[in-house]
Amino acid sequence: MSAKKIAKKKAKPAAKKRAKRVPKKTAAPAREIQRRLPGKEDVPGYAPGLPDLQRWPEIAILLKVRPFYTGEDSVPFSRLRARGYNDPASFRNPMKNEFYLA
């Protein structure tokens, strides 16, 4: 046999190309409808480098801020503020973030 015929017999078949995935069109509107809860970084006056004096979701519920607390006496998220609080008891972090309502 010639070298060409031997090469043809030993050659592997070409791999089949997979079709590209098409994203479902029903998933996009569901993501747009789903709302993102505001984070503590969205509060005016919050300093990301400082630790927090209170726990974030718990203080938002105690202050009755609207996306976290649903009730008649809830307040909008825009009223929530943060400030630096001087904590003399803490030697490592003397300044901490404190949340309050404006």
N, C-alpha and C. Protein backbone atom coordinates (compact mmCIF):
# COMPACT_ATOMS: atom_id res chain seq x y z
N MET A 1 0.83 -1.17 0.00
CA MET A 1 0.00 0.00 0.00
C MET A 1 0.88 1.24 0.00
N SER A 2 0.31 2.25 -0.57
CA SER A 2 1.07 3.50 -0.63
C SER A 2 0.91 4.27 0.67
N ALA A 3 1.74 5.25 0.87
CA ALA A 3 1.73 6.05 2.10
C ALA A 3 0.45 6.87 2.23
N LYS A 4 -0.11 7.29 1.09
CA LYS A 4 -1.32 8.09 1.12
C LYS A 4 -2.50 7.27 1.63
N LYS A 5 -2.61 6.01 1.17
CA LYS A 5 -3.72 5.14 1.59
C LYS A 5 -3.61 4.80 3.07
N ILE A 6 -2.40 4.59 3.56
CA ILE A 6 -2.22 4.29 4.98
C ILE A 6 -2.59 5.50 5.83
N ALA A 7 -2.22 6.69 5.37
CA ALA A 7 -2.54 7.91 6.09
C ALA A 7 -4.05 8.13 6.15
N LYS A 8 -4.78 7.81 5.09
CA LYS A 8 -6.23 7.97 5.06
C LYS A 8 -6.90 7.02 6.04
N LYS A 9 -6.39 5.79 6.15
CA LYS A 9 -6.99 4.81 7.05
C LYS A 9 -6.74 5.18 8.51
N LYS A 10 -5.58 5.75 8.83
CA LYS A 10 -5.24 6.08 10.21
C LYS A 10 -5.78 7.46 10.64
N ALA A 11 -6.23 8.25 9.71
CA ALA A 11 -6.72 9.60 10.04
C ALA A 11 -8.00 9.50 10.86
N LYS A 12 -8.11 10.36 11.86
CA LYS A 12 -9.29 10.39 12.72
C LYS A 12 -10.35 11.29 12.08
N PRO A 13 -11.59 10.96 12.28
CA PRO A 13 -12.63 11.84 11.73
C PRO A 13 -12.64 13.19 12.47
N ALA A 14 -13.04 14.21 11.77
CA ALA A 14 -13.06 15.56 12.36
C ALA A 14 -14.11 15.64 13.46
N ALA A 15 -13.80 16.35 14.51
CA ALA A 15 -14.75 16.50 15.62
C ALA A 15 -15.93 17.37 15.17
N LYS A 16 -17.10 16.98 15.61
CA LYS A 16 -18.29 17.75 15.25
C LYS A 16 -18.34 19.03 16.07
N LYS A 17 -18.70 20.13 15.44
CA LYS A 17 -18.82 21.40 16.13
C LYS A 17 -20.17 21.46 16.83
N ARG A 18 -20.13 21.90 18.05
CA ARG A 18 -21.37 22.06 18.81
C ARG A 18 -22.04 23.37 18.44
N ALA A 19 -23.33 23.36 18.49
CA ALA A 19 -24.08 24.58 18.22
C ALA A 19 -23.94 25.53 19.40
N LYS A 20 -23.90 26.81 19.12
CA LYS A 20 -23.78 27.79 20.20
C LYS A 20 -25.07 27.83 20.99
N ARG A 21 -24.92 28.02 22.31
CA ARG A 21 -26.09 28.09 23.17
C ARG A 21 -26.81 29.42 22.96
N VAL A 22 -28.10 29.35 22.87
CA VAL A 22 -28.92 30.55 22.74
C VAL A 22 -29.60 30.77 24.08
N PRO A 23 -29.40 31.94 24.71
CA PRO A 23 -30.03 32.17 26.01
C PRO A 23 -31.55 32.21 25.88
N LYS A 24 -32.21 31.76 26.94
CA LYS A 24 -33.66 31.77 26.94
C LYS A 24 -34.15 33.21 27.06
N LYS A 25 -35.20 33.52 26.36
CA LYS A 25 -35.72 34.87 26.37
C LYS A 25 -36.64 35.12 27.56
N THR A 26 -37.03 34.10 28.29
CA THR A 26 -37.90 34.29 29.43
C THR A 26 -37.13 34.66 30.70
N ALA A 27 -35.83 34.43 30.73
CA ALA A 27 -35.05 34.71 31.93
C ALA A 27 -34.76 36.20 32.11
N ALA A 28 -34.59 36.94 31.05
CA ALA A 28 -34.24 38.36 31.14
C ALA A 28 -35.33 39.20 31.80
N PRO A 29 -36.59 39.07 31.42
CA PRO A 29 -37.61 39.88 32.10
C PRO A 29 -37.73 39.54 33.58
N ALA A 30 -37.50 38.29 33.95
CA ALA A 30 -37.59 37.91 35.36
C ALA A 30 -36.50 38.59 36.16
N ARG A 31 -35.31 38.73 35.60
CA ARG A 31 -34.22 39.41 36.29
C ARG A 31 -34.50 40.90 36.43
N GLU A 32 -35.13 41.49 35.43
CA GLU A 32 -35.44 42.91 35.49
C GLU A 32 -36.51 43.20 36.53
N ILE A 33 -37.45 42.29 36.68
CA ILE A 33 -38.53 42.48 37.64
C ILE A 33 -38.01 42.34 39.06
N GLN A 34 -37.09 41.40 39.26
CA GLN A 34 -36.55 41.17 40.60
C GLN A 34 -35.76 42.39 41.06
N ARG A 35 -36.10 42.90 42.23
CA ARG A 35 -35.45 44.10 42.74
C ARG A 35 -34.26 43.72 43.60
N ARG A 36 -33.26 44.58 43.56
CA ARG A 36 -32.08 44.39 44.39
C ARG A 36 -32.28 45.18 45.68
N LEU A 37 -32.09 44.51 46.80
CA LEU A 37 -32.21 45.21 48.08
C LEU A 37 -31.02 46.15 48.24
N PRO A 38 -31.27 47.35 48.75
CA PRO A 38 -30.14 48.28 48.93
C PRO A 38 -29.20 47.79 50.01
N GLY A 39 -27.93 48.04 49.81
CA GLY A 39 -26.92 47.61 50.76
C GLY A 39 -26.47 48.77 51.63
N LYS A 40 -25.65 48.47 52.60
CA LYS A 40 -25.18 49.53 53.50
C LYS A 40 -24.26 50.50 52.78
N GLU A 41 -23.67 50.08 51.66
CA GLU A 41 -22.83 50.98 50.89
C GLU A 41 -23.65 52.07 50.20
N ASP A 42 -24.96 51.86 50.06
CA ASP A 42 -25.84 52.84 49.42
C ASP A 42 -26.30 53.93 50.38
N VAL A 43 -25.99 53.79 51.66
CA VAL A 43 -26.40 54.78 52.66
C VAL A 43 -25.46 55.97 52.60
N PRO A 44 -25.99 57.20 52.51
CA PRO A 44 -25.11 58.38 52.50
C PRO A 44 -24.36 58.51 53.82
N GLY A 45 -23.07 58.78 53.72
CA GLY A 45 -22.23 58.94 54.91
C GLY A 45 -21.53 57.67 55.36
N TYR A 46 -21.80 56.54 54.70
CA TYR A 46 -21.17 55.28 55.10
C TYR A 46 -19.72 55.26 54.65
N ALA A 47 -18.82 54.91 55.55
CA ALA A 47 -17.39 54.79 55.23
C ALA A 47 -17.04 53.31 55.13
N PRO A 48 -16.66 52.82 53.94
CA PRO A 48 -16.41 51.38 53.78
C PRO A 48 -15.23 50.86 54.58
N GLY A 49 -14.28 51.67 54.94
CA GLY A 49 -13.10 51.20 55.67
C GLY A 49 -13.34 50.98 57.15
N LEU A 50 -14.41 51.53 57.69
CA LEU A 50 -14.66 51.43 59.13
C LEU A 50 -15.58 50.25 59.44
N PRO A 51 -15.41 49.62 60.60
CA PRO A 51 -16.36 48.57 60.99
C PRO A 51 -17.69 49.20 61.41
N ASP A 52 -18.73 48.38 61.50
CA ASP A 52 -20.07 48.86 61.85
C ASP A 52 -20.32 48.68 63.34
N LEU A 53 -21.00 49.66 63.94
CA LEU A 53 -21.37 49.58 65.34
C LEU A 53 -22.54 48.61 65.52
N GLN A 54 -23.50 48.66 64.58
CA GLN A 54 -24.66 47.76 64.63
C GLN A 54 -24.61 46.81 63.44
N ARG A 55 -25.36 45.72 63.54
CA ARG A 55 -25.45 44.79 62.40
C ARG A 55 -26.38 45.38 61.37
N TRP A 56 -26.00 45.30 60.09
CA TRP A 56 -26.69 46.01 59.03
C TRP A 56 -28.15 45.62 58.85
N PRO A 57 -28.52 44.39 58.57
CA PRO A 57 -29.94 44.17 58.31
C PRO A 57 -30.79 44.34 59.56
N GLU A 58 -30.23 44.02 60.72
CA GLU A 58 -31.00 44.13 61.95
C GLU A 58 -31.31 45.59 62.30
N ILE A 59 -30.36 46.49 62.11
CA ILE A 59 -30.61 47.89 62.42
C ILE A 59 -31.59 48.51 61.43
N ALA A 60 -31.58 48.06 60.20
CA ALA A 60 -32.54 48.56 59.22
C ALA A 60 -33.96 48.13 59.59
N ILE A 61 -34.10 46.94 60.16
CA ILE A 61 -35.41 46.47 60.59
C ILE A 61 -35.85 47.24 61.84
N LEU A 62 -34.93 47.46 62.79
CA LEU A 62 -35.26 48.20 64.01
C LEU A 62 -35.65 49.65 63.73
N LEU A 63 -34.99 50.26 62.73
CA LEU A 63 -35.32 51.63 62.35
C LEU A 63 -36.53 51.70 61.42
N LYS A 64 -37.07 50.54 61.05
CA LYS A 64 -38.28 50.42 60.22
C LYS A 64 -38.09 51.05 58.84
N VAL A 65 -36.98 50.69 58.20
CA VAL A 65 -36.68 51.18 56.85
C VAL A 65 -37.40 50.30 55.85
N ARG A 66 -38.02 50.91 54.85
CA ARG A 66 -39.01 50.29 54.00
C ARG A 66 -38.64 48.97 53.30
N PRO A 67 -37.56 48.80 52.58
CA PRO A 67 -37.43 47.48 51.94
C PRO A 67 -37.22 46.34 52.93
N PHE A 68 -36.74 46.63 54.13
CA PHE A 68 -36.48 45.58 55.11
C PHE A 68 -37.63 45.40 56.08
N TYR A 69 -38.41 46.45 56.29
CA TYR A 69 -39.56 46.39 57.20
C TYR A 69 -40.79 46.82 56.43
N THR A 70 -41.81 45.98 56.42
CA THR A 70 -43.04 46.33 55.73
C THR A 70 -44.12 46.53 56.78
N GLY A 71 -44.61 47.70 56.85
CA GLY A 71 -45.65 48.04 57.81
C GLY A 71 -46.15 49.45 57.55
N GLU A 72 -47.19 49.83 58.27
CA GLU A 72 -47.76 51.16 58.06
C GLU A 72 -46.81 52.27 58.50
N ASP A 73 -46.03 52.03 59.53
CA ASP A 73 -45.14 53.07 60.04
C ASP A 73 -43.72 52.97 59.50
N SER A 74 -43.54 52.33 58.35
CA SER A 74 -42.20 52.22 57.77
C SER A 74 -41.79 53.55 57.14
N VAL A 75 -40.48 53.78 57.06
CA VAL A 75 -39.94 55.02 56.49
C VAL A 75 -39.15 54.67 55.23
N PRO A 76 -39.02 55.60 54.28
CA PRO A 76 -38.28 55.30 53.05
C PRO A 76 -36.78 55.16 53.31
N PHE A 77 -36.12 54.45 52.42
CA PHE A 77 -34.68 54.20 52.55
C PHE A 77 -33.89 55.50 52.45
N SER A 78 -34.42 56.49 51.77
CA SER A 78 -33.70 57.75 51.59
C SER A 78 -33.49 58.51 52.90
N ARG A 79 -34.24 58.20 53.95
CA ARG A 79 -34.07 58.86 55.24
C ARG A 79 -32.93 58.27 56.06
N LEU A 80 -32.44 57.10 55.69
CA LEU A 80 -31.38 56.44 56.45
C LEU A 80 -30.04 57.11 56.18
N ARG A 81 -29.28 57.35 57.24
CA ARG A 81 -27.97 57.98 57.15
C ARG A 81 -26.97 57.20 57.99
N ALA A 82 -25.68 57.45 57.74
CA ALA A 82 -24.60 56.85 58.52
C ALA A 82 -23.61 57.94 58.89
N ARG A 83 -22.94 57.74 60.00
CA ARG A 83 -21.91 58.69 60.43
C ARG A 83 -20.82 57.93 61.18
N GLY A 84 -19.68 58.57 61.29
CA GLY A 84 -18.60 58.00 62.07
C GLY A 84 -18.85 58.20 63.55
N TYR A 85 -18.74 57.15 64.31
CA TYR A 85 -19.01 57.20 65.74
C TYR A 85 -17.70 56.93 66.48
N ASN A 86 -17.34 57.78 67.41
CA ASN A 86 -16.12 57.61 68.17
C ASN A 86 -16.38 56.64 69.33
N ASP A 87 -15.76 55.46 69.29
CA ASP A 87 -15.96 54.42 70.30
C ASP A 87 -14.72 54.36 71.19
N PRO A 88 -14.74 54.97 72.39
CA PRO A 88 -13.55 54.98 73.23
C PRO A 88 -13.21 53.62 73.84
N ALA A 89 -14.16 52.71 73.88
CA ALA A 89 -13.91 51.39 74.47
C ALA A 89 -13.11 50.48 73.54
N SER A 90 -13.13 50.76 72.26
CA SER A 90 -12.42 49.92 71.29
C SER A 90 -11.05 50.53 70.99
N PHE A 91 -9.99 49.76 71.28
CA PHE A 91 -8.64 50.26 71.04
C PHE A 91 -8.19 50.01 69.60
N ARG A 92 -8.69 48.93 68.99
CA ARG A 92 -8.29 48.62 67.62
C ARG A 92 -8.95 49.54 66.61
N ASN A 93 -10.26 49.75 66.77
CA ASN A 93 -11.01 50.59 65.85
C ASN A 93 -11.77 51.66 66.65
N PRO A 94 -11.13 52.81 66.90
CA PRO A 94 -11.82 53.83 67.69
C PRO A 94 -12.98 54.50 66.95
N MET A 95 -13.01 54.43 65.63
CA MET A 95 -14.12 54.98 64.84
C MET A 95 -14.92 53.85 64.23
N LYS A 96 -16.25 53.96 64.30
CA LYS A 96 -17.14 52.95 63.72
C LYS A 96 -18.28 53.64 63.02
N ASN A 97 -18.94 52.91 62.11
CA ASN A 97 -20.12 53.42 61.42
C ASN A 97 -21.35 53.24 62.30
N GLU A 98 -22.16 54.29 62.36
CA GLU A 98 -23.41 54.23 63.11
C GLU A 98 -24.53 54.64 62.17
N PHE A 99 -25.65 53.92 62.17
CA PHE A 99 -26.77 54.20 61.30
C PHE A 99 -27.86 54.92 62.10
N TYR A 100 -28.51 55.90 61.47
CA TYR A 100 -29.60 56.64 62.11
C TYR A 100 -30.55 57.16 61.04
N LEU A 101 -31.70 57.66 61.47
CA LEU A 101 -32.69 58.23 60.56
C LEU A 101 -32.55 59.75 60.56
N ALA A 102 -32.60 60.35 59.38
CA ALA A 102 -32.52 61.81 59.27
C ALA A 102 -33.90 62.42 59.38
